[in-house]
């Protein structure tokens, strides 16, 4: 009986760990230059497709900022509340990766291809923006808030 209870407990814990090893959730982004918290991005999933929206800008002086350098439908739209991550799906060949979509850098208005990889048991998310192939880009590490 003790073995059955232990096995059920381990099964539940492993299920919780797997549930957290997806990009879905609320993430704290860190500024590359200052290493300070920059924003909170909520990544959600609908029909197997993930998207991410800036839920909060940490710097109070930037709360009303707009994407002046954007060249698509997001041009001159408020950055807070903006969808910056679109059309990301689970990679068919690598169960630990999500890709196929794009990410917007609202600071320069550029859109990059994106690859997401949960690490550290889903506590962190490696977000790689790139042009062409993944080796031609840069990676940010986002930290899970919830």
N, C-alpha and C. Protein backbone atom coordinates (compact mmCIF):
# COMPACT_ATOMS: atom_id res chain seq x y z
N UNK A 1 0.82 -1.19 0.00
CA UNK A 1 0.00 0.00 0.00
C UNK A 1 0.87 1.26 0.00
N UNK A 2 1.96 1.25 0.79
CA UNK A 2 2.86 2.40 0.84
C UNK A 2 3.49 2.66 -0.53
N UNK A 3 3.83 1.57 -1.24
CA UNK A 3 4.43 1.71 -2.56
C UNK A 3 3.44 2.33 -3.54
N UNK A 4 2.19 1.97 -3.43
CA UNK A 4 1.16 2.52 -4.30
C UNK A 4 0.98 4.01 -4.06
N UNK A 5 0.96 4.42 -2.81
CA UNK A 5 0.83 5.84 -2.46
C UNK A 5 2.05 6.61 -2.94
N UNK A 6 3.25 6.06 -2.75
CA UNK A 6 4.47 6.72 -3.20
C UNK A 6 4.48 6.86 -4.72
N UNK A 7 4.08 5.80 -5.41
CA UNK A 7 4.05 5.85 -6.88
C UNK A 7 3.04 6.89 -7.36
N UNK A 8 1.89 6.96 -6.71
CA UNK A 8 0.88 7.95 -7.10
C UNK A 8 1.40 9.36 -6.86
N UNK A 9 2.10 9.56 -5.73
CA UNK A 9 2.67 10.87 -5.43
C UNK A 9 3.71 11.29 -6.44
N UNK A 10 4.59 10.37 -6.79
CA UNK A 10 5.62 10.66 -7.79
C UNK A 10 5.00 10.93 -9.15
N UNK A 11 3.98 10.19 -9.49
CA UNK A 11 3.29 10.39 -10.76
C UNK A 11 2.66 11.79 -10.81
N UNK A 12 2.05 12.20 -9.73
CA UNK A 12 1.45 13.54 -9.65
C UNK A 12 2.51 14.62 -9.77
N UNK A 13 3.63 14.45 -9.07
CA UNK A 13 4.71 15.44 -9.14
C UNK A 13 5.31 15.52 -10.53
N UNK A 14 5.50 14.39 -11.18
CA UNK A 14 6.07 14.43 -12.53
C UNK A 14 5.09 15.07 -13.50
N UNK A 15 3.80 14.86 -13.32
CA UNK A 15 2.79 15.51 -14.15
C UNK A 15 2.81 17.01 -13.97
N UNK A 16 2.97 17.47 -12.73
CA UNK A 16 3.06 18.91 -12.48
C UNK A 16 4.32 19.50 -13.12
N UNK A 17 5.41 18.78 -13.05
CA UNK A 17 6.66 19.26 -13.66
C UNK A 17 6.51 19.38 -15.17
N UNK A 18 5.87 18.41 -15.78
CA UNK A 18 5.67 18.47 -17.23
C UNK A 18 4.73 19.61 -17.60
N UNK A 19 3.72 19.86 -16.76
CA UNK A 19 2.78 20.95 -17.05
C UNK A 19 3.49 22.29 -17.05
N UNK A 20 4.53 22.43 -16.23
CA UNK A 20 5.27 23.68 -16.15
C UNK A 20 6.33 23.79 -17.24
N UNK A 21 6.61 22.72 -17.94
CA UNK A 21 7.67 22.74 -18.94
C UNK A 21 7.12 23.13 -20.31
N UNK A 22 6.18 24.07 -20.33
CA UNK A 22 5.69 24.64 -21.58
C UNK A 22 5.91 26.14 -21.50
N UNK A 23 5.82 26.83 -22.62
CA UNK A 23 6.01 28.28 -22.59
C UNK A 23 4.82 29.03 -21.97
N UNK A 24 3.69 28.38 -21.80
CA UNK A 24 2.51 29.06 -21.26
C UNK A 24 2.75 29.54 -19.85
N UNK A 25 2.36 30.78 -19.57
CA UNK A 25 2.49 31.34 -18.23
C UNK A 25 2.88 32.80 -18.27
N UNK A 26 3.16 33.34 -17.10
CA UNK A 26 3.58 34.73 -16.97
C UNK A 26 5.09 34.75 -16.75
N UNK A 27 5.79 35.56 -17.55
CA UNK A 27 7.25 35.59 -17.56
C UNK A 27 7.78 36.99 -17.32
N UNK A 28 8.83 37.06 -16.52
CA UNK A 28 9.55 38.32 -16.29
C UNK A 28 10.67 38.41 -17.29
N UNK A 29 10.72 39.51 -18.05
CA UNK A 29 11.80 39.71 -19.01
C UNK A 29 12.87 40.58 -18.37
N UNK A 30 14.10 40.37 -18.78
CA UNK A 30 15.25 41.09 -18.23
C UNK A 30 15.91 41.88 -19.34
N UNK A 31 16.21 43.16 -19.10
CA UNK A 31 16.87 44.01 -20.09
C UNK A 31 18.29 43.51 -20.32
N UNK A 32 18.68 43.36 -21.59
CA UNK A 32 20.01 42.85 -21.93
C UNK A 32 21.13 43.75 -21.41
N UNK A 33 20.93 45.05 -21.45
CA UNK A 33 22.00 45.98 -21.07
C UNK A 33 22.06 46.23 -19.56
N UNK A 34 20.91 46.56 -18.95
CA UNK A 34 20.90 46.93 -17.53
C UNK A 34 20.78 45.74 -16.59
N UNK A 35 20.34 44.60 -17.13
CA UNK A 35 20.10 43.37 -16.35
C UNK A 35 18.98 43.57 -15.33
N UNK A 36 18.14 44.57 -15.54
CA UNK A 36 17.01 44.85 -14.66
C UNK A 36 15.74 44.28 -15.27
N UNK A 37 14.75 44.01 -14.40
CA UNK A 37 13.45 43.55 -14.87
C UNK A 37 12.85 44.61 -15.78
N UNK A 38 12.33 44.17 -16.92
CA UNK A 38 11.83 45.11 -17.93
C UNK A 38 10.31 45.05 -18.08
N UNK A 39 9.77 43.83 -18.17
CA UNK A 39 8.34 43.70 -18.38
C UNK A 39 7.85 42.33 -17.92
N UNK A 40 6.53 42.20 -17.91
CA UNK A 40 5.90 40.91 -17.68
C UNK A 40 5.17 40.54 -18.97
N UNK A 41 5.45 39.35 -19.48
CA UNK A 41 4.83 38.88 -20.71
C UNK A 41 4.03 37.62 -20.38
N UNK A 42 2.76 37.63 -20.76
CA UNK A 42 1.92 36.46 -20.57
C UNK A 42 1.84 35.69 -21.89
N UNK A 43 2.29 34.44 -21.84
CA UNK A 43 2.21 33.56 -23.00
C UNK A 43 1.02 32.62 -22.79
N UNK A 44 0.14 32.59 -23.78
CA UNK A 44 -1.03 31.73 -23.69
C UNK A 44 -1.11 30.84 -24.92
N UNK A 45 -1.89 29.76 -24.79
CA UNK A 45 -2.01 28.78 -25.86
C UNK A 45 -3.47 28.65 -26.27
N UNK A 46 -3.70 28.58 -27.55
CA UNK A 46 -5.04 28.37 -28.08
C UNK A 46 -4.93 27.46 -29.30
N UNK A 47 -5.49 26.28 -29.20
CA UNK A 47 -5.46 25.33 -30.31
C UNK A 47 -4.05 24.91 -30.70
N UNK A 48 -3.14 24.84 -29.73
CA UNK A 48 -1.77 24.43 -30.01
C UNK A 48 -0.87 25.55 -30.50
N UNK A 49 -1.40 26.76 -30.58
CA UNK A 49 -0.62 27.92 -31.03
C UNK A 49 -0.43 28.86 -29.85
N UNK A 50 0.83 29.26 -29.63
CA UNK A 50 1.16 30.13 -28.50
C UNK A 50 1.36 31.57 -28.97
N UNK A 51 0.93 32.50 -28.13
CA UNK A 51 1.16 33.91 -28.38
C UNK A 51 1.50 34.57 -27.05
N UNK A 52 2.19 35.70 -27.12
CA UNK A 52 2.61 36.39 -25.90
C UNK A 52 2.32 37.87 -25.98
N UNK A 53 1.79 38.41 -24.87
CA UNK A 53 1.39 39.80 -24.81
C UNK A 53 2.07 40.47 -23.61
N UNK A 54 2.53 41.71 -23.80
CA UNK A 54 3.13 42.45 -22.71
C UNK A 54 2.02 42.87 -21.75
N UNK A 55 2.06 42.29 -20.56
CA UNK A 55 1.03 42.57 -19.57
C UNK A 55 1.37 43.81 -18.75
N UNK A 56 2.67 44.03 -18.52
CA UNK A 56 3.07 45.16 -17.69
C UNK A 56 4.48 45.60 -18.05
N UNK A 57 4.68 46.91 -18.14
CA UNK A 57 6.02 47.48 -18.26
C UNK A 57 6.43 47.91 -16.86
N UNK A 58 7.59 47.49 -16.42
CA UNK A 58 8.03 47.77 -15.05
C UNK A 58 8.36 49.24 -14.85
N UNK A 59 9.03 49.85 -15.81
CA UNK A 59 9.42 51.26 -15.71
C UNK A 59 8.18 52.14 -15.87
N UNK A 60 7.79 52.80 -14.79
CA UNK A 60 6.58 53.62 -14.79
C UNK A 60 6.64 54.74 -15.84
N UNK A 61 7.83 55.21 -16.16
CA UNK A 61 7.95 56.29 -17.15
C UNK A 61 7.68 55.81 -18.57
N UNK A 62 7.62 54.48 -18.77
CA UNK A 62 7.38 53.93 -20.11
C UNK A 62 5.97 53.35 -20.27
N UNK A 63 5.14 53.52 -19.25
CA UNK A 63 3.79 52.94 -19.28
C UNK A 63 2.98 53.37 -20.50
N UNK A 64 3.19 54.60 -20.97
CA UNK A 64 2.42 55.11 -22.11
C UNK A 64 3.19 55.03 -23.43
N UNK A 65 4.31 54.29 -23.45
CA UNK A 65 5.11 54.24 -24.68
C UNK A 65 4.36 53.52 -25.79
N UNK A 66 4.69 53.91 -27.01
CA UNK A 66 4.07 53.35 -28.21
C UNK A 66 5.16 52.80 -29.12
N UNK A 67 4.78 51.87 -29.97
CA UNK A 67 5.75 51.25 -30.88
C UNK A 67 5.88 52.11 -32.13
N UNK A 68 6.65 53.18 -32.00
CA UNK A 68 6.83 54.14 -33.09
C UNK A 68 7.62 53.55 -34.26
N UNK A 69 8.52 52.59 -33.97
CA UNK A 69 9.36 52.02 -35.02
C UNK A 69 8.77 50.77 -35.66
N UNK A 70 7.62 50.32 -35.19
CA UNK A 70 6.97 49.15 -35.79
C UNK A 70 6.54 49.49 -37.21
N UNK A 71 6.55 48.49 -38.08
CA UNK A 71 6.18 48.73 -39.47
C UNK A 71 4.92 47.97 -39.87
N UNK A 72 4.33 47.21 -38.96
CA UNK A 72 3.12 46.46 -39.29
C UNK A 72 1.92 47.11 -38.58
N UNK A 73 0.87 46.33 -38.35
CA UNK A 73 -0.35 46.87 -37.74
C UNK A 73 -0.14 47.36 -36.31
N UNK A 74 1.00 47.07 -35.73
CA UNK A 74 1.29 47.51 -34.36
C UNK A 74 1.92 48.90 -34.30
N UNK A 75 2.18 49.52 -35.46
CA UNK A 75 2.80 50.85 -35.50
C UNK A 75 1.97 51.84 -34.70
N UNK A 76 2.66 52.57 -33.83
CA UNK A 76 2.07 53.61 -32.98
C UNK A 76 1.05 53.09 -31.98
N UNK A 77 1.01 51.79 -31.78
CA UNK A 77 0.11 51.21 -30.78
C UNK A 77 0.82 51.17 -29.42
N UNK A 78 0.06 51.19 -28.32
CA UNK A 78 0.67 51.10 -26.99
C UNK A 78 1.46 49.80 -26.84
N UNK A 79 2.65 49.90 -26.26
CA UNK A 79 3.48 48.72 -26.06
C UNK A 79 2.86 47.84 -24.97
N UNK A 80 2.38 48.46 -23.90
CA UNK A 80 1.72 47.68 -22.85
C UNK A 80 0.42 47.13 -23.42
N UNK A 81 0.24 45.82 -23.36
CA UNK A 81 -0.93 45.17 -23.93
C UNK A 81 -0.70 44.63 -25.33
N UNK A 82 0.46 44.94 -25.91
CA UNK A 82 0.77 44.53 -27.28
C UNK A 82 1.17 43.06 -27.36
N UNK A 83 0.71 42.39 -28.42
CA UNK A 83 1.14 41.02 -28.69
C UNK A 83 2.49 41.09 -29.39
N UNK A 84 3.51 40.52 -28.73
CA UNK A 84 4.86 40.56 -29.30
C UNK A 84 5.32 39.18 -29.78
N UNK A 85 4.61 38.14 -29.38
CA UNK A 85 4.98 36.77 -29.73
C UNK A 85 3.77 36.15 -30.43
N UNK A 86 3.97 35.63 -31.66
CA UNK A 86 2.84 35.11 -32.42
C UNK A 86 3.17 33.80 -33.12
N UNK A 87 2.14 32.96 -33.27
CA UNK A 87 2.17 31.76 -34.12
C UNK A 87 3.23 30.73 -33.76
N UNK A 88 3.53 30.59 -32.48
CA UNK A 88 4.54 29.62 -32.04
C UNK A 88 3.85 28.29 -31.77
N UNK A 89 4.46 27.21 -32.28
CA UNK A 89 3.91 25.86 -32.10
C UNK A 89 4.99 24.92 -31.61
N UNK A 90 4.55 23.81 -31.02
CA UNK A 90 5.48 22.79 -30.56
C UNK A 90 6.23 22.22 -31.76
N UNK A 91 7.54 22.09 -31.63
CA UNK A 91 8.38 21.55 -32.69
C UNK A 91 8.09 20.06 -32.84
N UNK A 92 7.83 19.61 -34.06
CA UNK A 92 7.48 18.21 -34.32
C UNK A 92 8.64 17.25 -34.07
N UNK A 93 9.87 17.74 -34.20
CA UNK A 93 11.04 16.87 -34.07
C UNK A 93 11.67 16.91 -32.67
N UNK A 94 11.46 17.98 -31.93
CA UNK A 94 12.08 18.13 -30.62
C UNK A 94 11.01 18.57 -29.62
N UNK A 95 10.62 17.65 -28.74
CA UNK A 95 9.54 17.90 -27.79
C UNK A 95 9.86 19.03 -26.81
N UNK A 96 11.11 19.43 -26.69
CA UNK A 96 11.49 20.49 -25.76
C UNK A 96 11.54 21.87 -26.38
N UNK A 97 11.14 22.00 -27.66
CA UNK A 97 11.21 23.29 -28.35
C UNK A 97 9.85 23.70 -28.90
N UNK A 98 9.63 25.00 -28.93
CA UNK A 98 8.47 25.60 -29.59
C UNK A 98 9.03 26.63 -30.56
N UNK A 99 8.56 26.63 -31.79
CA UNK A 99 9.10 27.56 -32.79
C UNK A 99 8.09 27.79 -33.90
N UNK A 100 8.53 28.34 -35.02
CA UNK A 100 7.69 28.56 -36.17
C UNK A 100 6.99 29.90 -36.19
N UNK A 101 7.11 30.66 -35.13
CA UNK A 101 6.45 31.96 -35.07
C UNK A 101 7.44 33.10 -35.11
N UNK A 102 6.99 34.25 -34.62
CA UNK A 102 7.87 35.41 -34.61
C UNK A 102 7.72 36.20 -33.32
N UNK A 103 8.73 37.05 -33.08
CA UNK A 103 8.73 37.91 -31.90
C UNK A 103 9.12 39.32 -32.34
N UNK A 104 8.45 40.29 -31.74
CA UNK A 104 8.70 41.70 -32.03
C UNK A 104 9.54 42.30 -30.93
N UNK A 105 10.55 43.07 -31.30
CA UNK A 105 11.29 43.89 -30.34
C UNK A 105 10.70 45.29 -30.44
N UNK A 106 9.87 45.71 -29.48
CA UNK A 106 9.22 47.02 -29.58
C UNK A 106 10.19 48.20 -29.52
N UNK A 107 11.42 47.97 -29.06
CA UNK A 107 12.40 49.06 -29.00
C UNK A 107 12.88 49.48 -30.38
N UNK A 108 13.01 48.50 -31.30
CA UNK A 108 13.49 48.86 -32.64
C UNK A 108 12.47 48.54 -33.74
N UNK A 109 11.34 47.96 -33.38
CA UNK A 109 10.30 47.66 -34.36
C UNK A 109 10.57 46.46 -35.24
N UNK A 110 11.65 45.74 -34.99
CA UNK A 110 12.02 44.61 -35.84
C UNK A 110 11.32 43.33 -35.37
N UNK A 111 10.98 42.50 -36.36
CA UNK A 111 10.34 41.22 -36.10
C UNK A 111 11.34 40.12 -36.45
N UNK A 112 11.50 39.17 -35.53
CA UNK A 112 12.45 38.08 -35.70
C UNK A 112 11.72 36.75 -35.62
N UNK A 113 12.27 35.72 -36.23
CA UNK A 113 11.78 34.36 -35.99
C UNK A 113 12.13 34.04 -34.55
N UNK A 114 11.39 33.10 -33.97
CA UNK A 114 11.60 32.83 -32.55
C UNK A 114 11.60 31.34 -32.26
N UNK A 115 12.37 30.99 -31.25
CA UNK A 115 12.42 29.62 -30.73
C UNK A 115 12.35 29.72 -29.22
N UNK A 116 11.46 28.96 -28.59
CA UNK A 116 11.30 28.96 -27.14
C UNK A 116 11.72 27.60 -26.59
N UNK A 117 12.46 27.64 -25.48
CA UNK A 117 12.90 26.40 -24.86
C UNK A 117 12.81 26.54 -23.34
N UNK A 118 11.82 25.88 -22.71
CA UNK A 118 11.77 25.88 -21.24
C UNK A 118 12.98 25.15 -20.68
N UNK A 119 13.59 25.72 -19.66
CA UNK A 119 14.75 25.11 -19.00
C UNK A 119 14.55 25.16 -17.49
N UNK A 120 15.41 24.48 -16.77
CA UNK A 120 15.37 24.46 -15.31
C UNK A 120 13.99 24.02 -14.81
N UNK A 121 13.47 22.94 -15.41
CA UNK A 121 12.18 22.41 -15.00
C UNK A 121 11.01 23.33 -15.30
N UNK A 122 11.17 24.22 -16.27
CA UNK A 122 10.11 25.15 -16.63
C UNK A 122 10.12 26.45 -15.85
N UNK A 123 11.14 26.63 -15.00
CA UNK A 123 11.24 27.87 -14.22
C UNK A 123 11.78 29.03 -15.05
N UNK A 124 12.50 28.69 -16.14
CA UNK A 124 13.08 29.70 -17.02
C UNK A 124 12.72 29.35 -18.46
N UNK A 125 12.75 30.36 -19.30
CA UNK A 125 12.45 30.17 -20.71
C UNK A 125 13.53 30.84 -21.54
N UNK A 126 14.21 30.04 -22.36
CA UNK A 126 15.18 30.62 -23.29
C UNK A 126 14.43 31.06 -24.54
N UNK A 127 14.48 32.36 -24.80
CA UNK A 127 13.78 32.95 -25.93
C UNK A 127 14.85 33.38 -26.93
N UNK A 128 14.89 32.71 -28.07
CA UNK A 128 15.90 33.01 -29.08
C UNK A 128 15.24 33.68 -30.27
N UNK A 129 15.61 34.92 -30.51
CA UNK A 129 15.16 35.65 -31.69
C UNK A 129 16.27 35.58 -32.73
N UNK A 130 15.89 35.34 -33.99
CA UNK A 130 16.93 35.18 -35.02
C UNK A 130 16.40 35.54 -36.40
N UNK A 131 17.34 35.72 -37.29
CA UNK A 131 17.05 35.95 -38.70
C UNK A 131 17.65 34.77 -39.46
N UNK A 132 16.89 34.13 -40.30
CA UNK A 132 17.41 33.00 -41.08
C UNK A 132 17.43 31.72 -40.28
N UNK A 133 18.56 31.45 -39.64
CA UNK A 133 18.68 30.22 -38.84
C UNK A 133 19.01 30.58 -37.39
N UNK A 134 18.64 29.69 -36.45
CA UNK A 134 18.80 30.00 -35.03
C UNK A 134 20.21 30.41 -34.60
N UNK A 135 21.24 29.94 -35.31
CA UNK A 135 22.60 30.30 -34.89
C UNK A 135 22.89 31.79 -35.14
N UNK A 136 22.04 32.45 -35.95
CA UNK A 136 22.22 33.87 -36.25
C UNK A 136 21.22 34.69 -35.44
N UNK A 137 21.40 34.72 -34.15
CA UNK A 137 20.48 35.45 -33.29
C UNK A 137 21.02 35.62 -31.90
N UNK A 138 20.11 35.95 -30.99
CA UNK A 138 20.52 36.09 -29.60
C UNK A 138 19.44 35.51 -28.71
N UNK A 139 19.84 35.11 -27.52
CA UNK A 139 18.94 34.47 -26.59
C UNK A 139 18.79 35.32 -25.34
N UNK A 140 17.55 35.47 -24.89
CA UNK A 140 17.25 36.06 -23.60
C UNK A 140 16.70 34.96 -22.72
N UNK A 141 16.93 35.05 -21.42
CA UNK A 141 16.33 34.12 -20.50
C UNK A 141 15.26 34.85 -19.70
N UNK A 142 14.03 34.36 -19.81
CA UNK A 142 12.91 34.92 -19.07
C UNK A 142 12.68 34.03 -17.86
N UNK A 143 12.15 34.62 -16.80
CA UNK A 143 11.94 33.91 -15.54
C UNK A 143 10.44 33.78 -15.28
N UNK A 144 10.01 32.56 -14.96
CA UNK A 144 8.58 32.32 -14.72
C UNK A 144 8.13 33.02 -13.44
N UNK A 145 7.01 33.73 -13.55
CA UNK A 145 6.39 34.38 -12.41
C UNK A 145 5.25 33.51 -11.89
N UNK A 146 4.48 32.97 -12.84
CA UNK A 146 3.40 32.03 -12.47
C UNK A 146 3.15 31.04 -13.58
